[in-house]
Structure formats: structure tokens, C-alpha cells
Protein backbone atom coordinates (compact mmCIF):
# COMPACT_ATOMS: atom_id res chain seq x y z
CA MET A 1 -9.21 -18.73 8.92
CA LYS A 2 -5.75 -19.18 7.40
CA ASP A 3 -3.39 -17.01 5.39
CA LEU A 4 -3.47 -18.82 2.06
CA PRO A 5 -1.48 -18.20 -1.13
CA LYS A 6 -4.65 -16.58 -2.48
CA HIS A 7 -4.48 -13.94 0.25
CA GLN A 8 -0.76 -13.41 -0.27
CA GLY A 9 -1.41 -12.78 -3.97
CA GLN A 10 -4.18 -10.31 -3.11
CA ARG A 11 -1.77 -8.45 -0.83
CA GLN A 12 0.79 -8.28 -3.64
CA GLN A 13 -1.88 -6.77 -5.91
CA LEU A 14 -2.74 -4.25 -3.20
CA VAL A 15 0.94 -3.29 -2.89
CA ALA A 16 1.11 -2.79 -6.66
CA LEU A 17 -1.95 -0.51 -6.45
CA LEU A 18 -0.40 1.51 -3.64
CA LYS A 19 2.75 1.94 -5.73
CA GLU A 20 0.59 3.21 -8.61
CA LYS A 21 -0.93 5.73 -6.20
CA GLY A 22 2.51 7.03 -5.26
CA ILE A 23 3.58 5.11 -2.17
CA VAL A 24 7.33 4.53 -2.49
CA ASP A 25 8.60 3.66 1.00
CA GLU A 26 9.66 0.00 0.78
CA LYS A 27 9.20 -0.50 4.54
CA VAL A 28 5.59 0.66 4.31
CA LEU A 29 4.93 -1.49 1.24
CA ASP A 30 6.57 -4.48 2.93
CA ALA A 31 4.35 -4.02 5.99
CA VAL A 32 1.21 -3.89 3.82
CA ASN A 33 2.40 -7.04 2.09
CA LYS A 34 2.77 -8.84 5.44
CA VAL A 35 -0.44 -7.88 7.27
CA PRO A 36 -3.22 -10.46 6.76
CA ARG A 37 -6.17 -8.01 6.69
CA HIS A 38 -8.68 -10.82 6.12
CA LEU A 39 -7.99 -12.13 9.63
CA TYR A 40 -9.33 -8.88 11.12
CA MET A 41 -12.56 -8.86 9.12
CA ASP A 42 -15.79 -10.78 9.37
CA ALA A 43 -15.59 -13.89 7.21
CA ALA A 44 -18.50 -12.54 5.14
CA LEU A 45 -16.29 -9.60 4.06
CA GLU A 46 -13.18 -11.66 3.31
CA ALA A 47 -13.50 -11.01 -0.44
CA TYR A 48 -13.10 -7.29 0.28
CA ALA A 49 -10.13 -7.53 2.63
CA TYR A 50 -7.59 -6.38 0.06
CA VAL A 51 -9.69 -3.76 -1.70
CA ASP A 52 -8.44 -0.22 -1.11
CA LYS A 53 -11.41 0.80 1.05
CA ALA A 54 -12.25 0.99 4.73
CA TYR A 55 -14.61 -1.69 6.07
CA PRO A 56 -16.52 -2.17 9.31
CA ILE A 57 -15.19 -4.47 12.00
CA ALA A 58 -16.39 -5.20 15.53
CA ALA A 59 -17.34 -2.58 18.12
CA ASP A 60 -18.57 -0.03 15.56
CA GLN A 61 -15.05 0.54 14.27
CA THR A 62 -13.49 0.22 10.82
CA ILE A 63 -10.36 -1.30 9.40
CA SER A 64 -8.77 1.65 7.64
CA GLN A 65 -8.29 2.12 3.92
CA PRO A 66 -4.84 0.75 3.00
CA TYR A 67 -3.85 3.82 0.98
CA THR A 68 -4.70 6.14 3.87
CA VAL A 69 -2.62 4.11 6.31
CA ALA A 70 0.29 3.84 3.87
CA PHE A 71 0.20 7.55 3.07
CA GLN A 72 0.08 8.60 6.71
CA THR A 73 2.83 6.19 7.66
CA GLU A 74 5.02 7.22 4.76
CA ASP A 75 4.46 10.91 5.53
CA PHE A 76 5.47 10.29 9.14
CA ALA A 77 8.61 8.46 8.07
CA PHE A 78 9.54 11.15 5.51
CA PRO A 79 8.16 14.48 6.71
CA ILE A 80 8.24 17.37 4.28
């Protein structure tokens, strides 16, 4: 599987959604924009790779919800 312009556009849409939800750290948003989530998911779930939800991957684990990861990372970088 490759990282196509389609996937890059989906990541940009995901970043826009995270901004709407209050994520402001540009380093966090940049990281989300660079990580090709679809490469970590079963090909059958590729269409859901950039939806803001957690999805199952191998070994009974999940790939985390993007907002949750962004929020936790941002909170760590900017503790209250």
C-alpha cells in the first residue's frame, strides 16, 4: 500500500477536524498530518483510517482515536 495524494488529503481533513475540536499545538497537528494511519490498518479498513475513531489492528489491539492521541500529547506538552 502506498501513501497517495488521496491519503494526504484525508489527513489534512483530519487535522482540520482536530483543530475544530480544540487542538492547537502545531507540532501535534503536524505529526498527525505526517503519520500514514492507513499503513497500520487492514486494507479492508483503509476507508476508515482517517476517521476520528479507534479501529482494531493485529494482535487484539487498536489504533487509537486521533483526537485522544492529540489531546493527550498536547496536554503532555503543555501541562496545566
